[in-house]
Amino acid sequence: MSSAFYIGNCDLLYMDLSVCLKCDDSFVNKRKKERKKEKKKKKKTRDDRRKILTFVIAEAKKVESLY
């Protein structure tokens, strides 16, 4: 981002955006949605890994029981 400067009772105003990111609801809401998606994606990946590991362990036990 470009240089920032202080104005009025707003903390930061970015020159290239001409609006404070802290005050801009659309930016804040967009960022919240992005974080939520990232969290869901991480959770899904974790769950997938857990399912794969459970399957591998079950298969290993089956093979072990054959011997």
C-alpha atoms as a PDB file:
ATOM      1  CA  MET A   1       0.000   0.000   0.000  1.00  0.00           C
ATOM      2  CA  SER A   2       1.096   3.549  -0.459  1.00  0.00           C
ATOM      3  CA  SER A   3       1.998   5.918   2.327  1.00  0.00           C
ATOM      4  CA  ALA A   4      -0.646   6.618   4.917  1.00  0.00           C
ATOM      5  CA  PHE A   5      -1.484   9.804   6.759  1.00  0.00           C
ATOM      6  CA  TYR A   6      -3.692  10.739   9.690  1.00  0.00           C
ATOM      7  CA  ILE A   7      -6.857  12.750   9.224  1.00  0.00           C
ATOM      8  CA  GLY A   8      -9.510  13.903  11.673  1.00  0.00           C
ATOM      9  CA  ASN A   9     -10.663  11.235  14.113  1.00  0.00           C
ATOM     10  CA  CYS A  10      -9.887   8.464  11.657  1.00  0.00           C
ATOM     11  CA  ASP A  11      -6.749   6.457  12.404  1.00  0.00           C
ATOM     12  CA  LEU A  12      -5.363   5.769   8.956  1.00  0.00           C
ATOM     13  CA  LEU A  13      -6.336   6.967   5.544  1.00  0.00           C
ATOM     14  CA  TYR A  14      -4.664   5.347   2.590  1.00  0.00           C
ATOM     15  CA  MET A  15      -4.041   7.737  -0.268  1.00  0.00           C
ATOM     16  CA  ASP A  16      -4.553   5.186  -3.012  1.00  0.00           C
ATOM     17  CA  LEU A  17      -7.841   3.952  -1.563  1.00  0.00           C
ATOM     18  CA  SER A  18      -9.043   7.385  -0.383  1.00  0.00           C
ATOM     19  CA  VAL A  19     -10.887   5.701   2.483  1.00  0.00           C
ATOM     20  CA  CYS A  20      -9.800   4.349   5.829  1.00  0.00           C
ATOM     21  CA  LEU A  21      -9.658   0.569   5.772  1.00  0.00           C
ATOM     22  CA  LYS A  22     -10.653   0.463   9.429  1.00  0.00           C
ATOM     23  CA  CYS A  23     -13.836   2.425   8.764  1.00  0.00           C
ATOM     24  CA  ASP A  24     -14.779   0.863   5.455  1.00  0.00           C
ATOM     25  CA  ASP A  25     -17.368  -1.805   6.287  1.00  0.00           C
ATOM     26  CA  SER A  26     -17.209  -3.469   2.904  1.00  0.00           C
ATOM     27  CA  PHE A  27     -13.470  -4.076   3.293  1.00  0.00           C
ATOM     28  CA  VAL A  28     -13.868  -5.338   6.864  1.00  0.00           C
ATOM     29  CA  ASN A  29     -16.735  -7.661   5.913  1.00  0.00           C
ATOM     30  CA  LYS A  30     -14.852  -8.944   2.885  1.00  0.00           C
ATOM     31  CA  ARG A  31     -11.824  -9.729   5.052  1.00  0.00           C
ATOM     32  CA  LYS A  32     -14.019 -11.511   7.629  1.00  0.00           C
ATOM     33  CA  LYS A  33     -15.508 -13.695   4.885  1.00  0.00           C
ATOM     34  CA  GLU A  34     -12.039 -14.502   3.555  1.00  0.00           C
ATOM     35  CA  ARG A  35     -10.853 -15.535   7.019  1.00  0.00           C
ATOM     36  CA  LYS A  36     -13.941 -17.688   7.496  1.00  0.00           C
ATOM     37  CA  LYS A  37     -13.288 -19.445   4.161  1.00  0.00           C
ATOM     38  CA  GLU A  38      -9.641 -19.991   5.081  1.00  0.00           C
ATOM     39  CA  LYS A  39     -10.687 -21.504   8.416  1.00  0.00           C
ATOM     40  CA  LYS A  40     -13.181 -23.860   6.734  1.00  0.00           C
ATOM     41  CA  LYS A  41     -10.572 -24.914   4.196  1.00  0.00           C
ATOM     42  CA  LYS A  42      -8.037 -25.691   6.946  1.00  0.00           C
ATOM     43  CA  LYS A  43     -10.642 -27.671   8.899  1.00  0.00           C
ATOM     44  CA  LYS A  44     -11.635 -29.643   5.799  1.00  0.00           C
ATOM     45  CA  THR A  45      -7.993 -30.467   5.058  1.00  0.00           C
ATOM     46  CA  ARG A  46      -7.511 -31.610   8.654  1.00  0.00           C
ATOM     47  CA  ASP A  47     -10.639 -33.789   8.501  1.00  0.00           C
ATOM     48  CA  ASP A  48      -9.520 -35.279   5.174  1.00  0.00           C
ATOM     49  CA  ARG A  49      -6.114 -36.151   6.615  1.00  0.00           C
ATOM     50  CA  ARG A  50      -7.761 -37.731   9.643  1.00  0.00           C
ATOM     51  CA  LYS A  51     -10.047 -39.856   7.429  1.00  0.00           C
ATOM     52  CA  ILE A  52      -7.122 -41.011   5.291  1.00  0.00           C
ATOM     53  CA  LEU A  53      -5.060 -41.889   8.355  1.00  0.00           C
ATOM     54  CA  THR A  54      -7.974 -43.826   9.877  1.00  0.00           C
ATOM     55  CA  PHE A  55      -8.415 -45.743   6.615  1.00  0.00           C
ATOM     56  CA  VAL A  56      -4.685 -46.558   6.400  1.00  0.00           C
ATOM     57  CA  ILE A  57      -4.627 -47.808   9.983  1.00  0.00           C
ATOM     58  CA  ALA A  58      -7.722 -49.958   9.371  1.00  0.00           C
ATOM     59  CA  GLU A  59      -6.140 -51.452   6.239  1.00  0.00           C
ATOM     60  CA  ALA A  60      -2.892 -52.112   8.100  1.00  0.00           C
ATOM     61  CA  LYS A  61      -4.810 -53.961  10.824  1.00  0.00           C
ATOM     62  CA  LYS A  62      -6.578 -56.080   8.187  1.00  0.00           C
ATOM     63  CA  VAL A  63      -3.261 -56.995   6.581  1.00  0.00           C
ATOM     64  CA  GLU A  64      -1.752 -57.694   9.993  1.00  0.00           C
ATOM     65  CA  SER A  65      -4.608 -60.038  10.898  1.00  0.00           C
ATOM     66  CA  LEU A  66      -3.959 -62.100   7.757  1.00  0.00           C
ATOM     67  CA  TYR A  67      -0.528 -63.144   9.018  1.00  0.00           C
END
